[in-house]
Amino acid sequence: MKKWLNDFNEWYSKKKDKRKFFPRGFYFLKWLYEEKFMKQDFMLVNWSWRLRLKLHNAMSPRKIKVGFGPVVSGEHTLGNRKWHIDPLVDYINKHSEKYACDIFFNNDSLDRFDIVIHVKTFDNMSAEKIERLKQNKTILIYDISDNPLGCKKSYLKDTWYIKSMDAVIAMNPLQESDVRSYNNCVKLIGLPIINHRYKKDYAAKEPVVILWEGYIQNMEYMNRFNAIVKRIAGEGKHKVTMLYHANMRSKDDGIIKYRKWKLDNWEKVFLESDIAVAIKPGDNEIQRRKPSTKVNTYRAAGLPLVCMPSEADKTVIEDGKTGYFAYTDEDWYARLKELVENPALREKIGVAGRKYVRENFSIAKIGAGYIRLFDELVAKKVC
């Protein structure tokens, strides 16, 4: 903090546009913005949040410093950082007397941290960087997330990286199995729910809206699904709409509708829907390894869920009680038809699913899991 003040005083003494009616504190914030943040991918994050993190860490000199990153996406989307980084950093900073968290970007030096958590991508890491951090006695943790999607380096192929970690966080039993032979410290920790609005009204209405949300690249798995929805709608007992909420233009094809995903409307779309669906094909090795993020997010909103599950999904859904599994076209038809025709069943499954998710995936529960892991690793380093 003393170095920051010295740097600021030097910068302030050179300012030619100083105004008497602006307090010195105003210029300190201006300096932080221009000199410290804008040079470090600052535009990716909300400036006031970044400032709070910096000040919290500067005012916590005796706490163990924890770095989460790299931050590679901005505020306009959810993605990896909004589940794995932002909520955990905020929770730990608020509730831990031992740890102070900050974020880092791809090209940042990591020397200021005692614990470094690489989330999903480790494309910028090398054996030399790892060795330097280890010489500094930095604790290294890798959070697999849904790697290798969108990454150059894969935890499945670049096993040298897994071997060099002090711990690995997996979110799917298959991920855990993948890395067990390369690292003895593997923890299964889920992701916190980040949506808080939920359905309260399950009364019968038409059309009954079946929702799928995701990236357009994954819609290929839904092609066979449209025919099933049209079959149910064609029976004429109830009006049904299949809504795709994705990164694409909005359009209306009758029973099948497409709505462009926006950060400010995704929770509203959940509340306007009646049934949620997810498909993670068992013959796709990447889909099988995906975390249970999507199914838990649906259920946190109180939506009754039908899914072709990943291995992670199978561990968090009790078939017939907190959601439904469907593997064949006839499974899908039977489960969806039952939910379309029975509002009371939609409420029963929706409420049960939400209760399970709130009890097991709150930020308090997940954050506590991370803190326990930190404590375990710090104790090993000290001993």
Protein backbone atom coordinates (compact mmCIF):
# COMPACT_ATOMS: atom_id res chain seq x y z
CA MET A 1 0.00 0.00 0.00
CA LYS A 2 2.92 2.37 0.75
CA LYS A 3 4.27 1.84 -2.78
CA TRP A 4 0.85 2.68 -4.21
CA LEU A 5 0.78 5.95 -2.24
CA ASN A 6 4.27 6.87 -3.41
CA ASP A 7 3.33 6.14 -7.03
CA PHE A 8 0.17 8.21 -6.64
CA ASN A 9 1.98 11.19 -5.10
CA GLU A 10 4.47 11.22 -7.96
CA TRP A 11 1.64 11.05 -10.53
CA TYR A 12 -0.40 13.72 -8.71
CA SER A 13 2.50 16.19 -8.56
CA LYS A 14 2.70 16.14 -12.37
CA LYS A 15 -1.01 16.79 -13.01
CA LYS A 16 -1.59 20.14 -14.68
CA ASP A 17 -5.39 20.09 -14.55
CA LYS A 18 -5.75 19.93 -10.75
CA ARG A 19 -8.84 21.77 -9.56
CA LYS A 20 -9.30 23.06 -6.04
CA PHE A 21 -12.90 21.92 -5.91
CA PHE A 22 -11.91 18.28 -6.57
CA PRO A 23 -10.73 16.56 -3.38
CA ARG A 24 -7.46 14.66 -3.42
CA GLY A 25 -9.44 11.41 -2.99
CA PHE A 26 -11.06 12.00 -6.38
CA TYR A 27 -7.66 12.02 -8.02
CA PHE A 28 -6.63 8.88 -6.14
CA LEU A 29 -9.57 7.03 -7.69
CA LYS A 30 -8.76 8.53 -11.09
CA TRP A 31 -5.17 7.34 -10.73
CA LEU A 32 -6.28 3.83 -9.80
CA TYR A 33 -8.53 3.75 -12.86
CA GLU A 34 -6.00 5.12 -15.37
CA GLU A 35 -2.69 3.77 -14.12
CA LYS A 36 -3.48 0.49 -12.40
CA PHE A 37 -6.61 -0.98 -13.91
CA MET A 38 -6.74 0.15 -17.55
CA LYS A 39 -3.36 -1.49 -18.10
CA GLN A 40 -4.54 -4.90 -16.86
CA ASP A 41 -7.51 -5.95 -19.00
CA PHE A 42 -9.60 -3.71 -16.79
CA MET A 43 -12.35 -3.39 -19.37
CA LEU A 44 -13.31 -7.01 -18.77
CA VAL A 45 -14.61 -6.32 -15.28
CA ASN A 46 -16.80 -3.79 -13.52
CA TRP A 47 -14.44 -1.04 -12.34
CA SER A 48 -16.06 -0.60 -8.92
CA TRP A 49 -15.80 -4.34 -8.17
CA ARG A 50 -12.17 -4.35 -9.27
CA LEU A 51 -11.50 -1.38 -6.99
CA ARG A 52 -13.16 -3.12 -4.02
CA LEU A 53 -11.02 -6.19 -4.56
CA LYS A 54 -7.83 -4.14 -4.69
CA LEU A 55 -8.70 -2.18 -1.57
CA HIS A 56 -9.78 -5.31 0.33
CA ASN A 57 -6.47 -6.99 -0.44
CA ALA A 58 -4.46 -3.87 0.35
CA MET A 59 -6.19 -3.61 3.73
CA SER A 60 -5.66 -7.31 4.55
CA PRO A 61 -1.86 -7.56 4.62
CA ARG A 62 -1.78 -10.49 7.03
CA LYS A 63 -4.29 -12.67 5.23
CA ILE A 64 -3.28 -15.47 2.88
CA LYS A 65 -3.65 -14.12 -0.66
CA VAL A 66 -5.72 -16.23 -3.08
CA GLY A 67 -5.88 -15.58 -6.83
CA PHE A 68 -8.73 -16.81 -9.05
CA GLY A 69 -8.40 -16.65 -12.83
CA PRO A 70 -7.64 -16.09 -15.53
CA VAL A 71 -10.53 -13.72 -16.21
CA VAL A 72 -11.05 -13.92 -19.98
CA SER A 73 -14.68 -12.85 -20.42
CA GLY A 74 -16.49 -9.61 -19.69
CA GLU A 75 -19.63 -8.65 -17.82
CA HIS A 76 -21.97 -9.22 -20.77
CA THR A 77 -22.30 -12.96 -20.31
CA LEU A 78 -22.42 -15.63 -17.60
CA GLY A 79 -20.04 -18.33 -18.68
CA ASN A 80 -17.21 -19.80 -16.71
CA ARG A 81 -16.28 -16.82 -14.57
CA LYS A 82 -19.78 -16.02 -13.25
CA TRP A 83 -20.03 -19.45 -11.62
CA HIS A 84 -16.41 -20.30 -10.81
CA ILE A 85 -14.80 -16.96 -10.00
CA ASP A 86 -16.89 -13.90 -9.08
CA PRO A 87 -19.28 -15.44 -6.49
CA LEU A 88 -16.52 -17.45 -4.78
CA VAL A 89 -14.17 -14.46 -4.57
CA ASP A 90 -16.93 -12.33 -3.04
CA TYR A 91 -18.07 -15.02 -0.60
CA ILE A 92 -14.58 -15.81 0.71
CA ASN A 93 -13.68 -12.13 1.07
CA LYS A 94 -16.85 -11.52 3.06
CA HIS A 95 -16.76 -14.56 5.33
CA SER A 96 -13.14 -15.64 5.77
CA GLU A 97 -10.84 -14.18 8.40
CA LYS A 98 -7.91 -16.10 6.96
CA TYR A 99 -8.01 -15.60 3.17
CA ALA A 100 -8.21 -12.54 0.90
CA CYS A 101 -9.16 -13.20 -2.73
CA ASP A 102 -8.44 -11.29 -5.91
CA ILE A 103 -8.63 -12.05 -9.63
CA PHE A 104 -5.92 -12.22 -12.27
CA PHE A 105 -5.78 -11.92 -16.04
CA ASN A 106 -3.89 -13.99 -18.59
CA ASN A 107 -0.68 -11.96 -18.61
CA ASP A 108 -0.55 -11.03 -14.93
CA SER A 109 2.30 -11.97 -12.65
CA LEU A 110 1.10 -14.50 -10.07
CA ASP A 111 3.90 -13.87 -7.59
CA ARG A 112 1.67 -11.80 -5.29
CA PHE A 113 -0.50 -14.81 -4.43
CA ASP A 114 0.04 -17.53 -1.84
CA ILE A 115 -2.62 -19.71 -3.50
CA VAL A 116 -3.39 -19.69 -7.23
CA ILE A 117 -6.53 -21.28 -8.69
CA HIS A 118 -6.49 -21.69 -12.44
CA VAL A 119 -10.07 -22.09 -13.63
CA LYS A 120 -10.63 -24.09 -16.82
CA THR A 121 -7.98 -22.60 -19.12
CA PHE A 122 -4.24 -22.98 -18.50
CA ASP A 123 -3.22 -22.09 -22.06
CA ASN A 124 -0.70 -19.49 -20.87
CA MET A 125 0.97 -21.74 -18.34
CA SER A 126 4.29 -23.48 -18.95
CA ALA A 127 6.50 -25.84 -16.97
CA GLU A 128 8.88 -22.92 -16.34
CA LYS A 129 6.13 -20.71 -14.86
CA ILE A 130 4.93 -23.58 -12.68
CA GLU A 131 8.46 -24.23 -11.41
CA ARG A 132 8.97 -20.56 -10.53
CA LEU A 133 5.73 -20.49 -8.55
CA LYS A 134 6.69 -23.68 -6.74
CA GLN A 135 10.03 -22.16 -5.79
CA ASN A 136 8.03 -19.34 -4.19
CA LYS A 137 6.07 -22.01 -2.28
CA THR A 138 2.85 -20.98 -4.02
CA ILE A 139 0.01 -23.47 -3.62
CA LEU A 140 -1.37 -24.42 -7.06
CA ILE A 141 -4.94 -25.61 -7.67
CA TYR A 142 -6.56 -26.45 -10.98
CA ASP A 143 -10.36 -26.19 -11.35
CA ILE A 144 -11.27 -28.29 -14.42
CA SER A 145 -14.70 -26.74 -15.05
CA ASP A 146 -15.69 -27.84 -18.58
CA ASN A 147 -12.17 -27.95 -20.04
CA PRO A 148 -11.25 -28.69 -22.86
CA LEU A 149 -14.19 -26.81 -24.43
CA GLY A 150 -12.80 -23.58 -25.90
CA CYS A 151 -9.26 -24.31 -24.70
CA LYS A 152 -6.01 -24.98 -26.53
CA LYS A 153 -4.66 -27.16 -23.76
CA SER A 154 -6.63 -30.10 -22.41
CA TYR A 155 -6.47 -31.64 -18.96
CA LEU A 156 -6.98 -35.00 -20.70
CA LYS A 157 -3.83 -34.66 -22.82
CA ASP A 158 -1.56 -32.24 -20.95
CA THR A 159 -1.19 -34.48 -17.94
CA TRP A 160 2.11 -32.82 -16.94
CA TYR A 161 0.03 -29.90 -15.73
CA ILE A 162 -2.23 -32.10 -13.60
CA LYS A 163 0.82 -33.76 -12.05
CA SER A 164 2.28 -30.37 -11.10
CA MET A 165 -0.78 -29.20 -9.15
CA ASP A 166 -1.12 -29.40 -5.37
CA ALA A 167 -4.83 -30.17 -5.87
CA VAL A 168 -7.40 -30.57 -8.63
CA ILE A 169 -11.09 -29.62 -8.38
CA ALA A 170 -13.37 -31.85 -10.44
CA MET A 171 -17.10 -31.38 -11.02
CA ASN A 172 -17.93 -34.68 -12.63
CA PRO A 173 -17.09 -38.25 -11.50
CA LEU A 174 -15.51 -38.92 -14.91
CA GLN A 175 -13.22 -35.92 -14.48
CA GLU A 176 -12.25 -37.23 -11.06
CA SER A 177 -11.47 -40.64 -12.56
CA ASP A 178 -9.48 -39.03 -15.39
CA VAL A 179 -7.02 -37.29 -13.08
CA ARG A 180 -6.76 -39.68 -10.13
CA SER A 181 -3.79 -41.53 -11.65
CA TYR A 182 -1.88 -38.22 -12.04
CA ASN A 183 -2.77 -36.43 -8.80
CA ASN A 184 -3.58 -37.79 -5.35
CA CYS A 185 -5.49 -34.70 -4.17
CA VAL A 186 -8.69 -34.50 -6.20
CA LYS A 187 -11.83 -32.90 -4.74
CA LEU A 188 -15.35 -33.07 -6.14
CA ILE A 189 -16.84 -29.61 -5.55
CA GLY A 190 -19.90 -28.36 -7.40
CA LEU A 191 -20.81 -24.89 -8.58
CA PRO A 192 -22.98 -22.46 -6.63
CA ILE A 193 -26.39 -21.47 -7.93
CA ILE A 194 -26.40 -17.83 -9.01
CA ASN A 195 -30.05 -17.34 -9.96
CA HIS A 196 -32.41 -16.35 -7.17
CA ARG A 197 -35.75 -15.77 -8.89
CA TYR A 198 -38.01 -18.81 -9.02
CA LYS A 199 -41.46 -19.95 -10.07
CA LYS A 200 -44.27 -19.58 -7.57
CA ASP A 201 -47.24 -20.06 -9.87
CA TYR A 202 -47.71 -23.48 -11.47
CA ALA A 203 -51.35 -22.98 -12.42
CA ALA A 204 -52.54 -24.45 -15.72
CA LYS A 205 -51.96 -22.15 -18.68
CA GLU A 206 -51.44 -22.38 -22.41
CA PRO A 207 -49.25 -22.69 -24.24
CA VAL A 208 -47.10 -24.90 -22.04
CA VAL A 209 -43.56 -23.67 -22.68
CA ILE A 210 -40.71 -26.20 -22.84
CA LEU A 211 -37.35 -24.46 -22.50
CA TRP A 212 -33.86 -25.29 -23.70
CA GLU A 213 -31.09 -22.77 -23.03
CA GLY A 214 -27.55 -22.93 -24.31
CA TYR A 215 -25.13 -22.16 -27.10
CA ILE A 216 -26.27 -22.52 -30.69
CA GLN A 217 -23.34 -24.89 -31.29
CA ASN A 218 -25.05 -27.48 -29.06
CA MET A 219 -28.43 -27.30 -30.77
CA GLU A 220 -27.50 -30.15 -33.10
CA TYR A 221 -28.41 -32.52 -30.26
CA MET A 222 -31.94 -31.10 -30.23
CA ASN A 223 -32.89 -31.94 -33.84
CA ARG A 224 -34.67 -35.17 -32.95
CA PHE A 225 -36.38 -33.40 -30.06
CA ASN A 226 -38.50 -31.08 -32.22
CA ALA A 227 -40.40 -34.01 -33.70
CA ILE A 228 -41.30 -35.24 -30.21
CA VAL A 229 -42.65 -31.83 -29.17
CA LYS A 230 -44.66 -31.56 -32.40
CA ARG A 231 -46.07 -35.05 -31.76
CA ILE A 232 -47.34 -33.98 -28.33
CA ALA A 233 -48.74 -30.73 -29.72
CA GLY A 234 -50.38 -32.59 -32.61
CA GLU A 235 -52.46 -34.67 -30.25
CA GLY A 236 -54.44 -31.50 -29.62
CA LYS A 237 -55.03 -31.76 -25.88
CA HIS A 238 -52.78 -28.82 -25.01
CA LYS A 239 -51.00 -26.06 -26.85
CA VAL A 240 -47.24 -26.53 -26.55
CA THR A 241 -44.30 -24.29 -27.44
CA MET A 242 -40.67 -25.37 -27.68
CA LEU A 243 -38.49 -22.35 -26.84
CA TYR A 244 -34.78 -22.24 -27.67
CA HIS A 245 -33.05 -19.50 -25.70
CA ALA A 246 -29.63 -19.15 -27.31
CA ASN A 247 -27.01 -16.86 -28.83
CA MET A 248 -28.96 -16.42 -32.08
CA ARG A 249 -31.59 -14.24 -33.71
CA SER A 250 -35.11 -14.42 -32.37
CA LYS A 251 -37.62 -16.03 -34.74
CA ASP A 252 -40.96 -17.80 -34.65
CA ASP A 253 -41.49 -21.08 -36.51
CA GLY A 254 -44.88 -21.82 -34.99
CA ILE A 255 -44.55 -24.47 -32.32
CA ILE A 256 -40.79 -24.02 -32.36
CA LYS A 257 -39.57 -20.57 -31.28
CA TYR A 258 -36.12 -19.04 -30.91
CA ARG A 259 -35.27 -16.19 -28.59
CA LYS A 260 -31.97 -14.33 -28.43
CA TRP A 261 -30.19 -14.78 -25.10
CA LYS A 262 -29.40 -11.61 -23.16
CA LEU A 263 -27.88 -11.16 -19.75
CA ASP A 264 -30.81 -9.09 -18.55
CA ASN A 265 -33.53 -11.55 -19.60
CA TRP A 266 -32.42 -15.09 -18.84
CA GLU A 267 -34.02 -15.35 -15.40
CA LYS A 268 -37.23 -13.78 -16.73
CA VAL A 269 -37.37 -16.40 -19.50
CA PHE A 270 -37.02 -19.13 -16.88
CA LEU A 271 -40.01 -17.79 -14.97
CA GLU A 272 -42.11 -17.62 -18.13
CA SER A 273 -41.37 -21.28 -18.95
CA ASP A 274 -43.02 -24.42 -17.57
CA ILE A 275 -40.64 -27.32 -18.26
CA ALA A 276 -36.87 -27.41 -18.82
CA VAL A 277 -34.89 -29.89 -20.92
CA ALA A 278 -31.20 -30.73 -21.28
CA ILE A 279 -29.46 -33.23 -23.54
CA LYS A 280 -25.89 -34.45 -22.98
CA PRO A 281 -25.44 -37.46 -25.28
CA GLY A 282 -23.76 -40.47 -23.73
CA ASP A 283 -21.69 -41.11 -26.85
CA ASN A 284 -20.04 -37.68 -26.66
CA GLU A 285 -17.05 -37.84 -24.32
CA ILE A 286 -16.98 -34.09 -23.69
CA GLN A 287 -20.72 -33.84 -22.94
CA ARG A 288 -20.49 -36.81 -20.57
CA ARG A 289 -17.85 -34.92 -18.59
CA LYS A 290 -19.73 -31.64 -18.27
CA PRO A 291 -20.66 -30.31 -14.80
CA SER A 292 -24.27 -30.22 -13.59
CA THR A 293 -24.44 -26.42 -13.93
CA LYS A 294 -27.32 -26.27 -16.40
CA VAL A 295 -29.63 -28.77 -14.70
CA ASN A 296 -29.05 -27.12 -11.32
CA THR A 297 -29.72 -23.66 -12.74
CA TYR A 298 -33.03 -24.84 -14.23
CA ARG A 299 -34.05 -26.43 -10.95
CA ALA A 300 -32.98 -23.42 -8.87
CA ALA A 301 -35.68 -21.54 -10.82
CA GLY A 302 -38.24 -24.17 -9.81
CA LEU A 303 -38.56 -25.68 -13.29
CA PRO A 304 -39.37 -29.38 -13.56
CA LEU A 305 -36.53 -30.96 -15.52
CA VAL A 306 -36.27 -33.74 -18.11
CA CYS A 307 -32.74 -34.56 -19.23
CA MET A 308 -30.38 -36.97 -20.90
CA PRO A 309 -27.82 -36.69 -18.11
CA SER A 310 -24.06 -36.34 -17.91
CA GLU A 311 -22.32 -38.40 -15.25
CA ALA A 312 -22.42 -35.36 -12.96
CA ASP A 313 -26.16 -34.92 -13.54
CA LYS A 314 -26.78 -38.49 -12.42
CA THR A 315 -25.29 -37.70 -9.01
CA VAL A 316 -27.55 -34.68 -8.35
CA ILE A 317 -30.93 -35.82 -9.74
CA GLU A 318 -33.15 -38.47 -8.21
CA ASP A 319 -35.08 -39.80 -11.20
CA GLY A 320 -38.80 -39.32 -10.72
CA LYS A 321 -38.45 -37.11 -7.63
CA THR A 322 -36.21 -34.11 -8.32
CA GLY A 323 -36.20 -34.48 -12.09
CA TYR A 324 -36.56 -37.05 -14.86
CA PHE A 325 -34.07 -38.96 -17.00
CA ALA A 326 -34.88 -39.67 -20.66
CA TYR A 327 -32.69 -41.71 -23.01
CA THR A 328 -34.90 -42.80 -25.87
CA ASP A 329 -37.48 -40.94 -27.96
CA GLU A 330 -40.23 -42.83 -26.16
CA ASP A 331 -38.77 -41.80 -22.79
CA TRP A 332 -38.87 -38.17 -23.87
CA TYR A 333 -42.38 -38.44 -25.22
CA ALA A 334 -43.75 -40.11 -22.06
CA ARG A 335 -42.06 -37.76 -19.58
CA LEU A 336 -42.90 -34.56 -21.43
CA LYS A 337 -46.49 -35.58 -22.17
CA GLU A 338 -47.02 -36.35 -18.48
CA LEU A 339 -45.66 -32.96 -17.41
CA VAL A 340 -47.51 -31.04 -20.13
CA GLU A 341 -50.83 -32.53 -19.04
CA ASN A 342 -50.34 -32.30 -15.28
CA PRO A 343 -49.63 -28.87 -13.67
CA ALA A 344 -49.65 -30.42 -10.19
CA LEU A 345 -46.86 -32.79 -11.21
CA ARG A 346 -44.88 -29.89 -12.65
CA GLU A 347 -45.15 -28.15 -9.30
CA LYS A 348 -44.22 -31.27 -7.33
CA ILE A 349 -41.07 -31.98 -9.35
CA GLY A 350 -40.16 -28.29 -9.64
CA VAL A 351 -40.43 -27.60 -5.92
CA ALA A 352 -38.50 -30.78 -5.00
CA GLY A 353 -35.72 -29.97 -7.44
CA ARG A 354 -35.38 -26.42 -6.16
CA LYS A 355 -35.27 -27.61 -2.54
CA TYR A 356 -32.46 -30.06 -3.34
CA VAL A 357 -30.39 -27.48 -5.21
CA ARG A 358 -30.79 -24.80 -2.50
CA GLU A 359 -29.70 -27.26 0.18
CA ASN A 360 -26.68 -28.58 -1.69
CA PHE A 361 -25.42 -25.84 -4.01
CA SER A 362 -25.77 -22.56 -2.12
CA ILE A 363 -22.82 -20.20 -2.32
CA ALA A 364 -22.31 -20.71 1.43
CA LYS A 365 -21.95 -24.48 1.04
CA ILE A 366 -19.72 -24.35 -2.04
CA GLY A 367 -17.62 -21.51 -0.65
CA ALA A 368 -17.07 -23.47 2.55
CA GLY A 369 -15.82 -26.39 0.45
CA TYR A 370 -13.16 -24.19 -1.12
CA ILE A 371 -12.09 -22.82 2.25
CA ARG A 372 -11.73 -26.36 3.64
CA LEU A 373 -9.50 -27.25 0.68
CA PHE A 374 -7.35 -24.16 1.28
CA ASP A 375 -7.01 -25.06 4.96
CA GLU A 376 -5.96 -28.61 4.09
CA LEU A 377 -3.32 -27.48 1.60
CA VAL A 378 -1.96 -24.70 3.82
CA ALA A 379 -1.60 -27.17 6.71
CA LYS A 380 0.40 -29.51 4.46
CA LYS A 381 2.71 -26.70 3.38
CA VAL A 382 3.31 -25.62 6.98
CA CYS A 383 4.00 -29.13 8.28
